Amino acid sequence: MADPESIFIEHDGHSIACLIHENENASLPPVVLVHGLTASFRFWEDDMFSSLLKDRSWYSVSLPLHAPSTYRQGFRRFNVSEDKMAELLRVPIDHLIPKGDFHLLGHSLGGFAALNCASKFPDRIASVVAIGSFMNARAKGLEKVIQFFSKGFLVRKIAFYVGYRILKIHWRVFATASVFYSNRKFSLLRNPDFIETVKRVFPDVKNHPIRGQRLLIQSLIKMDLFDEAHEIQCPVLMMIGMKDPVIPPEHQIRSAELLGSVTIARFEKSGHLIFGERPKEFTETLSNWLEKF
């Protein structure tokens, strides 16, 4: 496989960052990867995914309002809608993969973005893999706290900005925040692959626009895919950490049960970061799924 190429795709005043891992000998449908909130399109560049996807081309696409992408001047909260999010994901995909089917894989907010895209642009999507995903952003734990401060003004707004600036101080601070998303807590910080992932994405994290992140979180709170679940016709693999402290497993199971063609993979001892907490089981589950297509 050739070395990855980083490109920017222009659309409606937005510049969307994408990472390309081309495999000239690939005969299987490619995979498009979508990161979660506060991460970046470099989230997936580790040996685990390189090995898992060695027989395919794969691409990583930036979510709205996440560096290194840049977004249209004057972008406001009312501009961040389900339709716009789906559009800003599907347009770069159509540029990267102009024909043929593809798989869409996302973690957390990336999973929501993948399901949202499948509900509005269902053609050519071979399957969706949603990891720790949701149909609406009724979060718990640290995510609920972040949502609370994102909605307020004055004191809450100041707290949101201060908290986000603290997150940007050092990659170790960003990594430590991950314990609030996991079940096994500090064991996650002893996973060298996870630490390398954190180090790789952190330069982008430092450049995330805080105002943009707040705007995105405020908008997500009002989004709801439950009324569009029936529009998602492709096969879906829902990977659920049964000890997820931020996206309740009950919510994820309820979401899955509304889908027409779904497989639920439960990870009994995992929290929100399944790939970092249960890497072997995660890799095996995803590999078995992709082998079907």
Foldseek 3Di string as FASTA:
>chain_A
DDDKDWAWDDDPQKTKIKIWADDPQAPAAEEEEEEDALFFQLLPPDPLVCVLQVNHIYMGIYFPLFPPIDGHPPDFLVNDALVVRLVSVVVVVCVVDVDAAHEYEYAAVSLCSQLSNCLPPVPRHQEYEYALYFQAQPKAWPLVLLLVLLPDPDPSVVVNVVVLVQCLPDLVSVVQVCLRFKQVRCVLVVQVRNSVSSVVRSVRSNVRDSNSSSSNSNNRNPGGCLVRQASNAHEYEYEAECAGRIRHSVRSVVSQVSHDHYDYHYDDRIYRCCCSPPVVVVSVVVSVVSVVD
